[in-house]
Amino acid sequence: MPSFRALVATLNGEEGHAAPIPGALVGGAGAILLAIGAANDTGVLTIIGGVVLAIGLVATLLLQHVGVEYPIYRRLDDIEQAK
């Protein structure tokens, strides 16, 4: 299954393309809930959608920072200490 191996390689790669995907999916679901709640004039659904969207955005930034940037900084520190 070359496609499965390619997917695993992408998810485990250092490029950082796949790290924020879960947060983006949560944010996308929140945006959809927000739009549906606003279109139907449903206050509760609109509020829930906004909260889920905000959680998704924060999760995306956090996953990007922890999953991609920390390992890069760690390697840079190791290089600087080796000099």
C-alpha atoms as a PDB file:
ATOM      1  CA  MET A   1       0.000   0.000   0.000  1.00  0.00           C
ATOM      2  CA  PRO A   2       2.141   2.879  -1.167  1.00  0.00           C
ATOM      3  CA  SER A   3      -0.588   5.435  -0.420  1.00  0.00           C
ATOM      4  CA  PHE A   4      -0.735   4.389   3.255  1.00  0.00           C
ATOM      5  CA  ARG A   5       3.044   4.639   3.524  1.00  0.00           C
ATOM      6  CA  ALA A   6       2.952   8.069   1.910  1.00  0.00           C
ATOM      7  CA  LEU A   7       0.286   9.193   4.386  1.00  0.00           C
ATOM      8  CA  VAL A   8       2.290   7.935   7.358  1.00  0.00           C
ATOM      9  CA  ALA A   9       5.425   9.626   6.005  1.00  0.00           C
ATOM     10  CA  THR A  10       3.516  12.899   5.624  1.00  0.00           C
ATOM     11  CA  LEU A  11       2.091  12.724   9.122  1.00  0.00           C
ATOM     12  CA  ASN A  12       5.478  11.927  10.642  1.00  0.00           C
ATOM     13  CA  GLY A  13       7.464  14.336   8.482  1.00  0.00           C
ATOM     14  CA  GLU A  14       9.273  17.341   9.830  1.00  0.00           C
ATOM     15  CA  GLU A  15       7.722  19.729   7.366  1.00  0.00           C
ATOM     16  CA  GLY A  16       4.836  20.390   9.753  1.00  0.00           C
ATOM     17  CA  HIS A  17       2.048  20.067   7.217  1.00  0.00           C
ATOM     18  CA  ALA A  18      -0.023  17.541   9.163  1.00  0.00           C
ATOM     19  CA  ALA A  19       0.553  18.676  12.747  1.00  0.00           C
ATOM     20  CA  PRO A  20      -2.242  21.283  12.935  1.00  0.00           C
ATOM     21  CA  ILE A  21      -4.859  19.202  11.073  1.00  0.00           C
ATOM     22  CA  PRO A  22      -6.927  18.184  14.147  1.00  0.00           C
ATOM     23  CA  GLY A  23      -7.248  21.782  15.299  1.00  0.00           C
ATOM     24  CA  ALA A  24      -8.201  22.918  11.813  1.00  0.00           C
ATOM     25  CA  LEU A  25     -10.896  20.254  11.601  1.00  0.00           C
ATOM     26  CA  VAL A  26     -12.363  21.333  14.946  1.00  0.00           C
ATOM     27  CA  GLY A  27     -12.255  24.955  13.831  1.00  0.00           C
ATOM     28  CA  GLY A  28     -13.966  24.064  10.560  1.00  0.00           C
ATOM     29  CA  ALA A  29     -16.746  22.268  12.412  1.00  0.00           C
ATOM     30  CA  GLY A  30     -17.144  25.289  14.663  1.00  0.00           C
ATOM     31  CA  ALA A  31     -17.376  27.607  11.673  1.00  0.00           C
ATOM     32  CA  ILE A  32     -20.104  25.437  10.159  1.00  0.00           C
ATOM     33  CA  LEU A  33     -22.044  25.418  13.445  1.00  0.00           C
ATOM     34  CA  LEU A  34     -21.616  29.167  13.720  1.00  0.00           C
ATOM     35  CA  ALA A  35     -22.949  29.726  10.206  1.00  0.00           C
ATOM     36  CA  ILE A  36     -25.917  27.396  10.709  1.00  0.00           C
ATOM     37  CA  GLY A  37     -26.770  29.029  14.024  1.00  0.00           C
ATOM     38  CA  ALA A  38     -26.536  32.518  12.544  1.00  0.00           C
ATOM     39  CA  ALA A  39     -28.635  31.599   9.502  1.00  0.00           C
ATOM     40  CA  ASN A  40     -31.366  30.040  11.650  1.00  0.00           C
ATOM     41  CA  ASP A  41     -31.228  32.821  14.259  1.00  0.00           C
ATOM     42  CA  THR A  42     -30.424  30.253  16.952  1.00  0.00           C
ATOM     43  CA  GLY A  43     -28.457  31.943  19.691  1.00  0.00           C
ATOM     44  CA  VAL A  44     -27.308  28.820  21.484  1.00  0.00           C
ATOM     45  CA  LEU A  45     -25.989  27.127  18.338  1.00  0.00           C
ATOM     46  CA  THR A  46     -24.266  30.338  17.278  1.00  0.00           C
ATOM     47  CA  ILE A  47     -22.519  30.649  20.637  1.00  0.00           C
ATOM     48  CA  ILE A  48     -21.501  26.984  20.641  1.00  0.00           C
ATOM     49  CA  GLY A  49     -20.173  27.334  17.087  1.00  0.00           C
ATOM     50  CA  GLY A  50     -18.149  30.401  18.047  1.00  0.00           C
ATOM     51  CA  VAL A  51     -16.642  28.672  21.065  1.00  0.00           C
ATOM     52  CA  VAL A  52     -15.767  25.551  19.055  1.00  0.00           C
ATOM     53  CA  LEU A  53     -14.248  27.733  16.324  1.00  0.00           C
ATOM     54  CA  ALA A  54     -12.113  29.571  18.881  1.00  0.00           C
ATOM     55  CA  ILE A  55     -10.978  26.297  20.450  1.00  0.00           C
ATOM     56  CA  GLY A  56     -10.047  24.987  17.004  1.00  0.00           C
ATOM     57  CA  LEU A  57      -8.018  28.083  16.185  1.00  0.00           C
ATOM     58  CA  VAL A  58      -6.133  27.976  19.482  1.00  0.00           C
ATOM     59  CA  ALA A  59      -5.552  24.232  19.082  1.00  0.00           C
ATOM     60  CA  THR A  60      -4.179  24.768  15.580  1.00  0.00           C
ATOM     61  CA  LEU A  61      -1.678  27.357  16.796  1.00  0.00           C
ATOM     62  CA  LEU A  62      -0.720  25.247  19.802  1.00  0.00           C
ATOM     63  CA  LEU A  63      -0.225  22.095  17.739  1.00  0.00           C
ATOM     64  CA  GLN A  64       1.879  24.013  15.227  1.00  0.00           C
ATOM     65  CA  HIS A  65       4.027  25.481  17.959  1.00  0.00           C
ATOM     66  CA  VAL A  66       4.515  22.309  19.989  1.00  0.00           C
ATOM     67  CA  GLY A  67       4.609  19.824  17.131  1.00  0.00           C
ATOM     68  CA  VAL A  68       6.789  21.702  14.677  1.00  0.00           C
ATOM     69  CA  GLU A  69       8.611  24.615  16.248  1.00  0.00           C
ATOM     70  CA  TYR A  70       9.800  22.981  19.485  1.00  0.00           C
ATOM     71  CA  PRO A  71      11.731  20.204  17.686  1.00  0.00           C
ATOM     72  CA  ILE A  72      13.338  22.785  15.398  1.00  0.00           C
ATOM     73  CA  TYR A  73      14.415  24.930  18.351  1.00  0.00           C
ATOM     74  CA  ARG A  74      15.680  21.835  20.168  1.00  0.00           C
ATOM     75  CA  ARG A  75      17.859  20.868  17.211  1.00  0.00           C
ATOM     76  CA  LEU A  76      19.165  24.430  16.885  1.00  0.00           C
ATOM     77  CA  ASP A  77      20.073  24.465  20.572  1.00  0.00           C
ATOM     78  CA  ASP A  78      21.866  21.133  20.178  1.00  0.00           C
ATOM     79  CA  ILE A  79      23.835  22.522  17.228  1.00  0.00           C
ATOM     80  CA  GLU A  80      24.793  25.653  19.158  1.00  0.00           C
ATOM     81  CA  GLN A  81      25.894  23.627  22.185  1.00  0.00           C
ATOM     82  CA  ALA A  82      28.006  21.342  20.013  1.00  0.00           C
ATOM     83  CA  LYS A  83      30.114  24.269  18.767  1.00  0.00           C
END
